[in-house]
C-alpha atoms as a PDB file:
ATOM      1  CA  MET A   1      71.677 323.198  17.154  1.00  0.00           C
ATOM      2  CA  VAL A   2      70.628 326.739  16.163  1.00  0.00           C
ATOM      3  CA  LYS A   3      74.027 327.386  14.573  1.00  0.00           C
ATOM      4  CA  ARG A   4      73.726 324.233  12.447  1.00  0.00           C
ATOM      5  CA  ILE A   5      70.267 325.291  11.228  1.00  0.00           C
ATOM      6  CA  ILE A   6      71.520 328.781  10.335  1.00  0.00           C
ATOM      7  CA  LYS A   7      74.442 327.319   8.380  1.00  0.00           C
ATOM      8  CA  LYS A   8      72.018 325.179   6.372  1.00  0.00           C
ATOM      9  CA  LEU A   9      69.565 328.008   5.633  1.00  0.00           C
ATOM     10  CA  PHE A  10      71.951 330.850   4.771  1.00  0.00           C
ATOM     11  CA  PRO A  11      74.982 331.122   2.467  1.00  0.00           C
ATOM     12  CA  ALA A  12      78.372 331.224   4.198  1.00  0.00           C
ATOM     13  CA  ARG A  13      79.151 334.697   2.775  1.00  0.00           C
ATOM     14  CA  LEU A  14      75.940 336.122   4.240  1.00  0.00           C
ATOM     15  CA  ILE A  15      76.699 334.593   7.648  1.00  0.00           C
ATOM     16  CA  VAL A  16      80.208 336.107   7.620  1.00  0.00           C
ATOM     17  CA  TYR A  17      78.798 339.497   6.599  1.00  0.00           C
ATOM     18  CA  LEU A  18      76.163 339.442   9.390  1.00  0.00           C
ATOM     19  CA  GLN A  19      78.785 338.424  11.949  1.00  0.00           C
ATOM     20  CA  GLY A  20      81.010 341.295  10.874  1.00  0.00           C
ATOM     21  CA  LEU A  21      78.081 343.717  10.992  1.00  0.00           C
ATOM     22  CA  ARG A  22      77.206 342.632  14.519  1.00  0.00           C
ATOM     23  CA  GLU A  23      80.813 343.107  15.635  1.00  0.00           C
ATOM     24  CA  ARG A  24      80.943 346.601  14.135  1.00  0.00           C
ATOM     25  CA  VAL A  25      77.664 347.588  15.826  1.00  0.00           C
ATOM     26  CA  ASP A  26      78.899 346.160  19.131  1.00  0.00           C
ATOM     27  CA  ILE A  27      82.141 348.167  18.942  1.00  0.00           C
ATOM     28  CA  ARG A  28      80.249 351.404  18.316  1.00  0.00           C
ATOM     29  CA  LEU A  29      77.784 350.717  21.125  1.00  0.00           C
ATOM     30  CA  ALA A  30      80.593 349.799  23.548  1.00  0.00           C
ATOM     31  CA  VAL A  31      82.528 352.985  22.744  1.00  0.00           C
ATOM     32  CA  THR A  32      79.399 355.102  23.218  1.00  0.00           C
ATOM     33  CA  ALA A  33      78.375 353.326  26.437  1.00  0.00           C
ATOM     34  CA  SER A  34      81.848 353.790  27.942  1.00  0.00           C
ATOM     35  CA  ARG A  35      81.264 357.556  28.172  1.00  0.00           C
ATOM     36  CA  SER A  36      79.207 357.341  31.364  1.00  0.00           C
ATOM     37  CA  GLY A  37      78.259 354.986  34.147  1.00  0.00           C
ATOM     38  CA  TRP A  38      74.550 354.828  33.401  1.00  0.00           C
ATOM     39  CA  LEU A  39      75.161 354.194  29.687  1.00  0.00           C
ATOM     40  CA  SER A  40      77.477 351.325  30.678  1.00  0.00           C
ATOM     41  CA  VAL A  41      74.730 349.827  32.861  1.00  0.00           C
ATOM     42  CA  LEU A  42      72.243 350.254  30.011  1.00  0.00           C
ATOM     43  CA  TYR A  43      74.597 348.521  27.580  1.00  0.00           C
ATOM     44  CA  TYR A  44      75.051 345.474  29.808  1.00  0.00           C
ATOM     45  CA  SER A  45      71.353 345.429  30.722  1.00  0.00           C
ATOM     46  CA  LEU A  46      69.923 345.574  27.206  1.00  0.00           C
ATOM     47  CA  TYR A  47      72.604 344.520  24.756  1.00  0.00           C
ATOM     48  CA  SER A  48      75.078 342.214  26.501  1.00  0.00           C
ATOM     49  CA  ASP A  49      74.502 339.564  29.162  1.00  0.00           C
ATOM     50  CA  GLU A  50      78.208 338.881  29.797  1.00  0.00           C
ATOM     51  CA  PHE A  51      77.968 339.796  33.502  1.00  0.00           C
ATOM     52  CA  ARG A  52      74.587 338.219  34.195  1.00  0.00           C
ATOM     53  CA  ARG A  53      75.974 335.002  35.699  1.00  0.00           C
ATOM     54  CA  GLU A  54      78.432 336.901  37.883  1.00  0.00           C
ATOM     55  CA  MET A  55      75.734 339.246  39.180  1.00  0.00           C
ATOM     56  CA  ARG A  56      73.433 336.370  40.130  1.00  0.00           C
ATOM     57  CA  SER A  57      76.337 334.421  41.636  1.00  0.00           C
ATOM     58  CA  VAL A  58      77.255 337.374  43.872  1.00  0.00           C
ATOM     59  CA  LEU A  59      73.653 337.812  45.053  1.00  0.00           C
ATOM     60  CA  LEU A  60      73.224 334.101  45.754  1.00  0.00           C
ATOM     61  CA  ALA A  61      76.560 334.155  47.591  1.00  0.00           C
ATOM     62  CA  ARG A  62      75.328 337.011  49.789  1.00  0.00           C
ATOM     63  CA  ARG A  63      72.160 335.032  50.503  1.00  0.00           C
ATOM     64  CA  ARG A  64      74.184 331.951  51.436  1.00  0.00           C
ATOM     65  CA  TYR A  65      76.451 334.074  53.647  1.00  0.00           C
ATOM     66  CA  TYR A  66      73.554 335.572  55.614  1.00  0.00           C
ATOM     67  CA  GLU A  67      71.807 332.208  55.913  1.00  0.00           C
ATOM     68  CA  SER A  68      74.966 330.693  57.413  1.00  0.00           C
ATOM     69  CA  GLN A  69      75.132 333.548  59.938  1.00  0.00           C
ATOM     70  CA  ASP A  70      71.539 332.781  60.955  1.00  0.00           C
ATOM     71  CA  GLY A  71      72.535 329.188  61.711  1.00  0.00           C
ATOM     72  CA  GLN A  72      71.489 327.553  58.443  1.00  0.00           C
ATOM     73  CA  SER A  73      74.422 325.273  57.593  1.00  0.00           C
ATOM     74  CA  PRO A  74      77.095 327.543  59.108  1.00  0.00           C
ATOM     75  CA  ASN A  75      80.626 327.460  57.701  1.00  0.00           C
ATOM     76  CA  SER A  76      83.948 328.699  58.989  1.00  0.00           C
ATOM     77  CA  PHE A  77      84.504 331.682  56.665  1.00  0.00           C
ATOM     78  CA  GLN A  78      83.252 334.435  58.983  1.00  0.00           C
ATOM     79  CA  LEU A  79      84.867 332.875  62.048  1.00  0.00           C
ATOM     80  CA  ARG A  80      88.206 332.595  60.247  1.00  0.00           C
ATOM     81  CA  ARG A  81      87.989 336.266  59.278  1.00  0.00           C
ATOM     82  CA  ASN A  82      87.258 337.457  62.818  1.00  0.00           C
ATOM     83  CA  ILE A  83      89.869 335.235  64.467  1.00  0.00           C
ATOM     84  CA  HIS A  84      92.416 336.667  62.044  1.00  0.00           C
ATOM     85  CA  ARG A  85      91.259 340.193  62.929  1.00  0.00           C
ATOM     86  CA  LEU A  86      91.915 339.393  66.592  1.00  0.00           C
ATOM     87  CA  GLU A  87      95.370 338.101  65.647  1.00  0.00           C
ATOM     88  CA  LYS A  88      96.146 341.400  63.950  1.00  0.00           C
ATOM     89  CA  GLY A  89      95.049 343.229  67.077  1.00  0.00           C
ATOM     90  CA  LEU A  90      97.319 341.025  69.194  1.00  0.00           C
ATOM     91  CA  ILE A  91     100.403 341.852  67.093  1.00  0.00           C
ATOM     92  CA  MET A  92      99.909 345.627  66.918  1.00  0.00           C
ATOM     93  CA  GLN A  93     102.741 347.869  68.098  1.00  0.00           C
ATOM     94  CA  PRO A  94     101.865 349.221  70.541  1.00  0.00           C
ATOM     95  CA  ARG A  95      98.990 346.892  71.371  1.00  0.00           C
ATOM     96  CA  ARG A  96      95.912 348.770  72.478  1.00  0.00           C
ATOM     97  CA  PRO A  97      94.493 347.796  75.897  1.00  0.00           C
ATOM     98  CA  VAL A  98      91.023 347.440  74.351  1.00  0.00           C
ATOM     99  CA  PHE A  99      90.556 346.142  70.805  1.00  0.00           C
ATOM    100  CA  GLY A 100      88.083 343.942  68.973  1.00  0.00           C
ATOM    101  CA  GLU A 101      85.232 345.192  71.128  1.00  0.00           C
ATOM    102  CA  GLY A 102      83.071 345.976  68.112  1.00  0.00           C
ATOM    103  CA  TYR A 103      83.053 342.420  66.783  1.00  0.00           C
ATOM    104  CA  ILE A 104      83.982 340.107  69.674  1.00  0.00           C
ATOM    105  CA  LYS A 105      80.332 339.296  70.484  1.00  0.00           C
ATOM    106  CA  GLU A 106      79.715 338.459  66.812  1.00  0.00           C
ATOM    107  CA  THR A 107      82.838 336.269  66.848  1.00  0.00           C
ATOM    108  CA  ILE A 108      81.747 334.288  69.901  1.00  0.00           C
ATOM    109  CA  ASP A 109      78.188 333.907  68.606  1.00  0.00           C
ATOM    110  CA  TYR A 110      79.539 332.453  65.387  1.00  0.00           C
ATOM    111  CA  PHE A 111      82.057 330.319  67.264  1.00  0.00           C
ATOM    112  CA  SER A 112      79.133 328.840  69.206  1.00  0.00           C
ATOM    113  CA  LEU A 113      77.177 328.186  65.991  1.00  0.00           C
ATOM    114  CA  CYS A 114      80.150 326.414  64.399  1.00  0.00           C
ATOM    115  CA  VAL A 115      80.817 324.308  67.512  1.00  0.00           C
ATOM    116  CA  GLU A 116      77.164 323.279  67.708  1.00  0.00           C
ATOM    117  CA  ALA A 117      77.081 322.395  63.992  1.00  0.00           C
ATOM    118  CA  ASP A 118      80.468 320.643  64.235  1.00  0.00           C
ATOM    119  CA  CYS A 119      81.597 322.365  61.041  1.00  0.00           C
ATOM    120  CA  LEU A 120      85.155 323.247  62.090  1.00  0.00           C
ATOM    121  CA  THR A 121      88.207 321.189  61.271  1.00  0.00           C
ATOM    122  CA  ASN A 122      90.475 320.230  64.163  1.00  0.00           C
ATOM    123  CA  VAL A 123      93.014 322.795  62.944  1.00  0.00           C
ATOM    124  CA  GLU A 124      90.393 325.572  62.811  1.00  0.00           C
ATOM    125  CA  LEU A 125      89.051 324.709  66.253  1.00  0.00           C
ATOM    126  CA  ARG A 126      92.491 324.692  67.882  1.00  0.00           C
ATOM    127  CA  TRP A 127      93.457 327.958  66.184  1.00  0.00           C
ATOM    128  CA  ALA A 128      90.223 329.694  67.220  1.00  0.00           C
ATOM    129  CA  GLN A 129      90.512 328.522  70.819  1.00  0.00           C
ATOM    130  CA  ASP A 130      94.163 329.484  71.174  1.00  0.00           C
ATOM    131  CA  VAL A 131      93.643 332.985  69.761  1.00  0.00           C
ATOM    132  CA  LEU A 132      90.510 333.587  71.836  1.00  0.00           C
ATOM    133  CA  GLU A 133      92.248 332.406  75.006  1.00  0.00           C
ATOM    134  CA  GLU A 134      95.153 334.771  74.409  1.00  0.00           C
ATOM    135  CA  TYR A 135      92.811 337.618  73.528  1.00  0.00           C
ATOM    136  CA  PHE A 136      90.823 337.304  76.743  1.00  0.00           C
ATOM    137  CA  ASN A 137      94.064 336.982  78.735  1.00  0.00           C
ATOM    138  CA  VAL A 138      95.608 340.243  77.479  1.00  0.00           C
ATOM    139  CA  VAL A 139      92.689 342.545  76.636  1.00  0.00           C
ATOM    140  CA  GLN A 140      91.203 344.937  79.180  1.00  0.00           C
ATOM    141  CA  ILE A 141      87.852 343.460  80.169  1.00  0.00           C
ATOM    142  CA  THR A 142      85.051 345.900  79.449  1.00  0.00           C
ATOM    143  CA  GLU A 143      81.379 345.114  79.960  1.00  0.00           C
ATOM    144  CA  THR A 144      80.990 344.002  76.327  1.00  0.00           C
ATOM    145  CA  ILE A 145      84.179 341.920  76.317  1.00  0.00           C
ATOM    146  CA  GLY A 146      83.262 340.421  79.697  1.00  0.00           C
ATOM    147  CA  ARG A 147      79.909 339.205  78.352  1.00  0.00           C
ATOM    148  CA  ALA A 148      81.635 337.750  75.289  1.00  0.00           C
ATOM    149  CA  ARG A 149      84.173 335.963  77.500  1.00  0.00           C
ATOM    150  CA  GLN A 150      81.373 334.382  79.522  1.00  0.00           C
ATOM    151  CA  LEU A 151      79.632 333.206  76.333  1.00  0.00           C
ATOM    152  CA  TYR A 152      82.927 331.793  75.080  1.00  0.00           C
ATOM    153  CA  HIS A 153      83.478 329.762  78.251  1.00  0.00           C
ATOM    154  CA  GLU A 154      79.918 328.434  78.029  1.00  0.00           C
ATOM    155  CA  ALA A 155      80.391 327.412  74.390  1.00  0.00           C
ATOM    156  CA  SER A 156      83.746 325.724  75.017  1.00  0.00           C
ATOM    157  CA  THR A 157      82.845 323.674  78.123  1.00  0.00           C
ATOM    158  CA  THR A 158      82.531 320.473  76.082  1.00  0.00           C
ATOM    159  CA  LEU A 159      85.638 321.137  73.978  1.00  0.00           C
ATOM    160  CA  PRO A 160      89.239 320.058  74.593  1.00  0.00           C
ATOM    161  CA  LYS A 161      91.255 322.634  76.481  1.00  0.00           C
ATOM    162  CA  ALA A 162      93.146 325.201  74.423  1.00  0.00           C
ATOM    163  CA  THR A 163      96.799 324.459  73.736  1.00  0.00           C
ATOM    164  CA  VAL A 164      99.146 325.238  76.611  1.00  0.00           C
ATOM    165  CA  SER A 165     102.477 324.632  74.853  1.00  0.00           C
ATOM    166  CA  ASN A 166     103.087 325.853  71.303  1.00  0.00           C
ATOM    167  CA  PRO A 167      99.683 327.539  70.918  1.00  0.00           C
ATOM    168  CA  ASP A 168      98.337 328.369  67.455  1.00  0.00           C
ATOM    169  CA  SER A 169      98.384 332.094  68.156  1.00  0.00           C
ATOM    170  CA  PRO A 170     100.743 334.951  67.219  1.00  0.00           C
ATOM    171  CA  GLN A 171     104.436 334.220  67.759  1.00  0.00           C
ATOM    172  CA  GLU A 172     107.655 336.145  67.467  1.00  0.00           C
ATOM    173  CA  TYR A 173     109.137 336.230  63.979  1.00  0.00           C
ATOM    174  CA  SER A 174     112.505 335.091  65.360  1.00  0.00           C
ATOM    175  CA  ASN A 175     110.879 331.860  66.567  1.00  0.00           C
ATOM    176  CA  LEU A 176     109.741 330.807  63.097  1.00  0.00           C
ATOM    177  CA  VAL A 177     111.572 327.826  61.610  1.00  0.00           C
ATOM    178  CA  PRO A 178     114.400 329.268  59.508  1.00  0.00           C
ATOM    179  CA  SER A 179     114.614 328.532  55.794  1.00  0.00           C
ATOM    180  CA  ASN A 180     117.825 327.080  54.382  1.00  0.00           C
ATOM    181  CA  ILE A 181     116.898 327.929  50.804  1.00  0.00           C
ATOM    182  CA  ARG A 182     119.179 330.528  49.241  1.00  0.00           C
ATOM    183  CA  PHE A 183     117.836 333.101  46.791  1.00  0.00           C
ATOM    184  CA  GLU A 184     119.817 331.516  43.948  1.00  0.00           C
ATOM    185  CA  GLU A 185     118.210 328.131  44.624  1.00  0.00           C
ATOM    186  CA  PHE A 186     114.714 329.582  44.697  1.00  0.00           C
ATOM    187  CA  ALA A 187     115.365 331.570  41.531  1.00  0.00           C
ATOM    188  CA  ALA A 188     116.585 328.389  39.832  1.00  0.00           C
ATOM    189  CA  LEU A 189     113.377 326.572  40.857  1.00  0.00           C
ATOM    190  CA  CYS A 190     111.208 329.359  39.444  1.00  0.00           C
ATOM    191  CA  ASP A 191     113.290 329.468  36.265  1.00  0.00           C
ATOM    192  CA  ARG A 192     112.985 325.701  35.797  1.00  0.00           C
ATOM    193  CA  ARG A 193     109.203 325.718  36.142  1.00  0.00           C
ATOM    194  CA  HIS A 194     107.644 325.779  32.700  1.00  0.00           C
ATOM    195  CA  SER A 195     104.171 324.962  31.448  1.00  0.00           C
ATOM    196  CA  VAL A 196     104.307 321.255  30.611  1.00  0.00           C
ATOM    197  CA  ARG A 197     101.713 319.945  28.176  1.00  0.00           C
ATOM    198  CA  TRP A 198     103.033 316.450  27.482  1.00  0.00           C
ATOM    199  CA  PHE A 199     103.014 313.823  30.213  1.00  0.00           C
ATOM    200  CA  GLU A 200     104.136 310.227  30.655  1.00  0.00           C
ATOM    201  CA  PRO A 201     101.250 307.719  30.872  1.00  0.00           C
ATOM    202  CA  LYS A 202     102.046 307.232  34.537  1.00  0.00           C
ATOM    203  CA  PRO A 203      99.794 307.599  37.623  1.00  0.00           C
ATOM    204  CA  VAL A 204     100.252 310.715  39.718  1.00  0.00           C
ATOM    205  CA  PRO A 205     100.515 309.623  43.376  1.00  0.00           C
ATOM    206  CA  ARG A 206      97.809 311.109  45.549  1.00  0.00           C
ATOM    207  CA  ASP A 207     100.176 311.637  48.458  1.00  0.00           C
ATOM    208  CA  LEU A 208     102.322 313.927  46.298  1.00  0.00           C
ATOM    209  CA  ILE A 209      99.291 315.959  45.231  1.00  0.00           C
ATOM    210  CA  ASN A 210      98.100 316.242  48.836  1.00  0.00           C
ATOM    211  CA  ALA A 211     101.548 317.278  50.052  1.00  0.00           C
ATOM    212  CA  ALA A 212     101.747 319.971  47.376  1.00  0.00           C
ATOM    213  CA  ILE A 213      98.265 321.243  48.269  1.00  0.00           C
ATOM    214  CA  ASP A 214      99.329 321.448  51.928  1.00  0.00           C
ATOM    215  CA  VAL A 215     102.106 323.771  50.754  1.00  0.00           C
ATOM    216  CA  ALA A 216      99.670 325.734  48.575  1.00  0.00           C
ATOM    217  CA  ALA A 217      97.437 326.258  51.607  1.00  0.00           C
ATOM    218  CA  THR A 218     100.211 328.234  53.338  1.00  0.00           C
ATOM    219  CA  ALA A 219      99.837 331.032  50.775  1.00  0.00           C
ATOM    220  CA  PRO A 220      98.500 334.359  52.053  1.00  0.00           C
ATOM    221  CA  SER A 221      94.736 334.797  51.887  1.00  0.00           C
ATOM    222  CA  ALA A 222      92.626 337.869  52.635  1.00  0.00           C
ATOM    223  CA  CYS A 223      91.655 337.618  56.324  1.00  0.00           C
ATOM    224  CA  ASN A 224      92.782 333.967  56.116  1.00  0.00           C
ATOM    225  CA  ARG A 225      89.405 332.921  54.710  1.00  0.00           C
ATOM    226  CA  GLN A 226      90.949 330.575  52.083  1.00  0.00           C
ATOM    227  CA  PRO A 227      87.827 330.657  49.864  1.00  0.00           C
ATOM    228  CA  PHE A 228      88.866 327.874  47.477  1.00  0.00           C
ATOM    229  CA  LYS A 229      88.805 324.120  46.937  1.00  0.00           C
ATOM    230  CA  PHE A 230      90.891 321.856  44.709  1.00  0.00           C
ATOM    231  CA  TYR A 231      88.822 319.324  42.724  1.00  0.00           C
ATOM    232  CA  VAL A 232      91.338 316.601  41.842  1.00  0.00           C
ATOM    233  CA  PHE A 233      90.728 314.209  38.946  1.00  0.00           C
ATOM    234  CA  ASP A 234      93.559 311.662  38.991  1.00  0.00           C
ATOM    235  CA  ASP A 235      91.909 309.035  36.811  1.00  0.00           C
ATOM    236  CA  PRO A 236      93.391 309.756  33.358  1.00  0.00           C
ATOM    237  CA  ALA A 237      90.090 309.237  31.525  1.00  0.00           C
ATOM    238  CA  ARG A 238      88.274 311.734  33.756  1.00  0.00           C
ATOM    239  CA  ALA A 239      91.288 314.064  33.851  1.00  0.00           C
ATOM    240  CA  GLN A 240      91.226 314.247  30.058  1.00  0.00           C
ATOM    241  CA  GLU A 241      87.445 314.689  29.949  1.00  0.00           C
ATOM    242  CA  ILE A 242      87.523 317.589  32.421  1.00  0.00           C
ATOM    243  CA  GLY A 243      90.685 319.027  30.854  1.00  0.00           C
ATOM    244  CA  ALA A 244      88.961 319.254  27.479  1.00  0.00           C
ATOM    245  CA  ILE A 245      86.178 321.551  28.758  1.00  0.00           C
ATOM    246  CA  PRO A 246      88.060 324.879  28.726  1.00  0.00           C
ATOM    247  CA  MET A 247      89.209 326.579  25.569  1.00  0.00           C
ATOM    248  CA  GLY A 248      92.896 326.328  24.778  1.00  0.00           C
ATOM    249  CA  THR A 249      93.543 322.643  25.535  1.00  0.00           C
ATOM    250  CA  ALA A 250      92.647 321.208  22.128  1.00  0.00           C
ATOM    251  CA  GLY A 251      95.424 318.991  20.823  1.00  0.00           C
ATOM    252  CA  PHE A 252      97.052 318.101  24.132  1.00  0.00           C
ATOM    253  CA  SER A 253      94.358 317.437  26.776  1.00  0.00           C
ATOM    254  CA  GLN A 254      94.158 313.841  25.566  1.00  0.00           C
ATOM    255  CA  ASN A 255      97.395 313.020  27.436  1.00  0.00           C
ATOM    256  CA  PHE A 256      96.460 314.577  30.825  1.00  0.00           C
ATOM    257  CA  GLN A 257      97.114 312.217  33.734  1.00  0.00           C
ATOM    258  CA  CYS A 258      95.700 314.459  36.473  1.00  0.00           C
ATOM    259  CA  THR A 259      93.571 317.586  36.245  1.00  0.00           C
ATOM    260  CA  ILE A 260      92.867 319.926  39.149  1.00  0.00           C
ATOM    261  CA  VAL A 261      89.992 322.399  38.990  1.00  0.00           C
ATOM    262  CA  VAL A 262      90.428 325.332  41.372  1.00  0.00           C
ATOM    263  CA  VAL A 263      87.042 326.585  42.546  1.00  0.00           C
ATOM    264  CA  GLY A 264      86.403 329.788  44.503  1.00  0.00           C
ATOM    265  CA  ASP A 265      83.493 330.232  46.901  1.00  0.00           C
ATOM    266  CA  LEU A 266      81.858 333.670  46.752  1.00  0.00           C
ATOM    267  CA  SER A 267      79.712 332.900  49.801  1.00  0.00           C
ATOM    268  CA  ALA A 268      82.750 333.691  51.949  1.00  0.00           C
ATOM    269  CA  TYR A 269      81.856 337.387  51.508  1.00  0.00           C
ATOM    270  CA  PRO A 270      78.779 339.536  52.202  1.00  0.00           C
ATOM    271  CA  PHE A 271      79.612 342.387  49.827  1.00  0.00           C
ATOM    272  CA  GLU A 272      80.064 342.866  46.075  1.00  0.00           C
ATOM    273  CA  LYS A 273      83.355 344.682  46.640  1.00  0.00           C
ATOM    274  CA  ASP A 274      84.988 341.376  47.626  1.00  0.00           C
ATOM    275  CA  ARG A 275      83.912 339.402  44.559  1.00  0.00           C
ATOM    276  CA  HIS A 276      87.420 339.325  43.042  1.00  0.00           C
ATOM    277  CA  ILE A 277      89.197 337.986  46.123  1.00  0.00           C
ATOM    278  CA  ILE A 278      88.544 334.375  45.152  1.00  0.00           C
ATOM    279  CA  TYR A 279      90.692 334.923  42.059  1.00  0.00           C
ATOM    280  CA  ILE A 280      93.491 336.690  43.941  1.00  0.00           C
ATOM    281  CA  ASP A 281      93.666 334.148  46.759  1.00  0.00           C
ATOM    282  CA  SER A 282      93.393 331.177  44.398  1.00  0.00           C
ATOM    283  CA  GLY A 283      96.158 332.584  42.186  1.00  0.00           C
ATOM    284  CA  LEU A 284      98.493 332.984  45.167  1.00  0.00           C
ATOM    285  CA  ALA A 285      97.828 329.395  46.252  1.00  0.00           C
ATOM    286  CA  VAL A 286      98.205 327.906  42.765  1.00  0.00           C
ATOM    287  CA  MET A 287     101.621 329.469  42.236  1.00  0.00           C
ATOM    288  CA  GLN A 288     102.882 327.800  45.404  1.00  0.00           C
ATOM    289  CA  LEU A 289     101.196 324.586  44.315  1.00  0.00           C
ATOM    290  CA  GLN A 290     103.030 324.599  40.990  1.00  0.00           C
ATOM    291  CA  LEU A 291     106.402 325.197  42.634  1.00  0.00           C
ATOM    292  CA  ALA A 292     105.716 322.461  45.197  1.00  0.00           C
ATOM    293  CA  LEU A 293     104.846 320.029  42.381  1.00  0.00           C
ATOM    294  CA  GLU A 294     108.068 320.945  40.586  1.00  0.00           C
ATOM    295  CA  THR A 295     110.168 319.948  43.610  1.00  0.00           C
ATOM    296  CA  GLN A 296     108.543 316.495  43.479  1.00  0.00           C
ATOM    297  CA  GLY A 297     109.404 315.914  39.837  1.00  0.00           C
ATOM    298  CA  LEU A 298     105.910 316.724  38.619  1.00  0.00           C
ATOM    299  CA  GLY A 299     105.217 319.142  35.781  1.00  0.00           C
ATOM    300  CA  SER A 300     102.132 321.305  35.531  1.00  0.00           C
ATOM    301  CA  CYS A 301     100.319 323.637  33.196  1.00  0.00           C
ATOM    302  CA  ALA A 302      97.978 326.386  34.369  1.00  0.00           C
ATOM    303  CA  ILE A 303      94.914 326.440  32.128  1.00  0.00           C
ATOM    304  CA  ASN A 304      92.979 329.648  31.611  1.00  0.00           C
ATOM    305  CA  TRP A 305      89.249 329.678  32.359  1.00  0.00           C
ATOM    306  CA  PRO A 306      87.398 332.336  30.319  1.00  0.00           C
ATOM    307  CA  ASP A 307      83.924 333.213  31.574  1.00  0.00           C
ATOM    308  CA  ILE A 308      81.849 331.532  28.853  1.00  0.00           C
ATOM    309  CA  GLU A 309      78.292 330.574  29.760  1.00  0.00           C
ATOM    310  CA  ARG A 310      78.232 327.183  28.015  1.00  0.00           C
ATOM    311  CA  HIS A 311      81.518 326.140  29.637  1.00  0.00           C
ATOM    312  CA  GLU A 312      80.458 327.452  33.046  1.00  0.00           C
ATOM    313  CA  ARG A 313      77.286 325.372  32.904  1.00  0.00           C
ATOM    314  CA  LEU A 314      79.125 322.243  31.847  1.00  0.00           C
ATOM    315  CA  MET A 315      81.784 322.555  34.561  1.00  0.00           C
ATOM    316  CA  ALA A 316      79.161 323.309  37.208  1.00  0.00           C
ATOM    317  CA  LYS A 317      77.339 320.130  36.211  1.00  0.00           C
ATOM    318  CA  GLU A 318      80.491 318.000  36.223  1.00  0.00           C
ATOM    319  CA  LEU A 319      81.562 319.268  39.661  1.00  0.00           C
ATOM    320  CA  ASP A 320      78.054 319.659  41.129  1.00  0.00           C
ATOM    321  CA  LEU A 321      78.754 323.298  41.971  1.00  0.00           C
ATOM    322  CA  GLU A 322      76.430 325.816  43.575  1.00  0.00           C
ATOM    323  CA  PRO A 323      75.901 329.028  41.564  1.00  0.00           C
ATOM    324  CA  TYR A 324      78.160 330.954  43.964  1.00  0.00           C
ATOM    325  CA  GLN A 325      81.025 328.496  43.457  1.00  0.00           C
ATOM    326  CA  ARG A 326      83.059 329.725  40.488  1.00  0.00           C
ATOM    327  CA  PRO A 327      85.808 327.871  38.591  1.00  0.00           C
ATOM    328  CA  VAL A 328      88.971 329.982  38.698  1.00  0.00           C
ATOM    329  CA  MET A 329      91.422 327.943  36.641  1.00  0.00           C
ATOM    330  CA  LEU A 330      92.532 324.408  35.879  1.00  0.00           C
ATOM    331  CA  LEU A 331      95.898 322.761  36.377  1.00  0.00           C
ATOM    332  CA  ALA A 332      97.189 319.807  34.380  1.00  0.00           C
ATOM    333  CA  VAL A 333      99.659 317.708  36.413  1.00  0.00           C
ATOM    334  CA  GLY A 334     101.860 314.747  35.564  1.00  0.00           C
ATOM    335  CA  TYR A 335     105.349 313.391  35.004  1.00  0.00           C
ATOM    336  CA  PRO A 336     106.777 315.318  32.042  1.00  0.00           C
ATOM    337  CA  GLN A 337     107.889 313.453  28.947  1.00  0.00           C
ATOM    338  CA  GLY A 338     111.671 313.772  28.863  1.00  0.00           C
ATOM    339  CA  ASP A 339     111.778 314.695  25.185  1.00  0.00           C
ATOM    340  CA  ALA A 340     108.730 317.001  25.316  1.00  0.00           C
ATOM    341  CA  LEU A 341     109.274 320.569  24.201  1.00  0.00           C
ATOM    342  CA  VAL A 342     108.233 323.487  26.399  1.00  0.00           C
ATOM    343  CA  PRO A 343     107.816 327.086  25.208  1.00  0.00           C
ATOM    344  CA  TYR A 344     110.654 329.475  25.955  1.00  0.00           C
ATOM    345  CA  SER A 345     108.161 332.194  26.932  1.00  0.00           C
ATOM    346  CA  ALA A 346     110.410 335.246  27.245  1.00  0.00           C
ATOM    347  CA  LYS A 347     109.647 337.115  30.460  1.00  0.00           C
ATOM    348  CA  LYS A 348     109.809 340.800  31.285  1.00  0.00           C
ATOM    349  CA  THR A 349     112.400 341.946  33.814  1.00  0.00           C
ATOM    350  CA  ALA A 350     112.378 344.385  36.710  1.00  0.00           C
ATOM    351  CA  ALA A 351     113.564 347.066  34.298  1.00  0.00           C
ATOM    352  CA  ASP A 352     110.318 346.579  32.336  1.00  0.00           C
ATOM    353  CA  LEU A 353     107.958 346.139  35.245  1.00  0.00           C
ATOM    354  CA  VAL A 354     109.046 348.422  38.071  1.00  0.00           C
ATOM    355  CA  VAL A 355     107.424 351.836  38.282  1.00  0.00           C
ATOM    356  CA  ARG A 356     108.770 354.254  40.884  1.00  0.00           C
ATOM    357  CA  PRO A 357     106.268 357.123  41.211  1.00  0.00           C
ATOM    358  CA  LYS A 358     107.650 360.508  42.185  1.00  0.00           C
END
């Protein structure tokens, strides 16, 4: 609205000149502000609001995190982190007789909260029980650990017994199911995967999407928190509407058959230092998702999501997101048109990318 009014009131040449002047001033200010930390803070406080949404999102995420710890709508993030920490203690070589003492009470308190709120999936509950059972079986029982064990037994009296055979706890590497995929086959799969932008007008089966997401969920995640969700739009009309929101899809989003929005949840973390993990963990999962889709005959295209306020607001409204839930990227999915062209996209090699420090 404001831009339209400005275009009507001022000549185009003047608008171009003012835009150029603003860019030149911004460059000079940015260069000057980069010389020290406090000047950088001043620049982003007074001149640029590019990080304002992220700062508020991180603070609201911290608030949500602490509220969940106090029992207000608890979630599984903290429990998943601590159970994974216990797993790492169980696999240490050599294993210490006493470990986890500093956070075992916190773990059991949160386990009790989650059980009472019934906020754990069956998989999470079984995993937590199996790891805790093994932990209490092998650790040396100190006064602190003994109290935590008693609280655990009290919290789990109404729950199914932990798994006796094939428990969801650490196992020997040699017992993992072997893979029959040769390196050459995997390399061929990765080489075949290209960003597909043109799809057949054909429904994308939900069972294939779900199966691929199950594979994506096996990707590594910091402390196994898995701070992401996949918002799947498999109605073509909605897929195209959502796919048109980000920049960079003009001219081809109108043929999307399925669009997935990957959303990270900052409330999985209590500290600012962890604010980038949602992007790392989501990226790891999406790469496996794309390869899994490829094996099912489905093409995909990862769609960049620049941090632009207007787009952030629109996507948050469409997905009904909380401020601490941040879109990470989008993925267009469908059956590729057989005669559709895909970019060659020359890739760097190990010779270009490997650095061997002295």
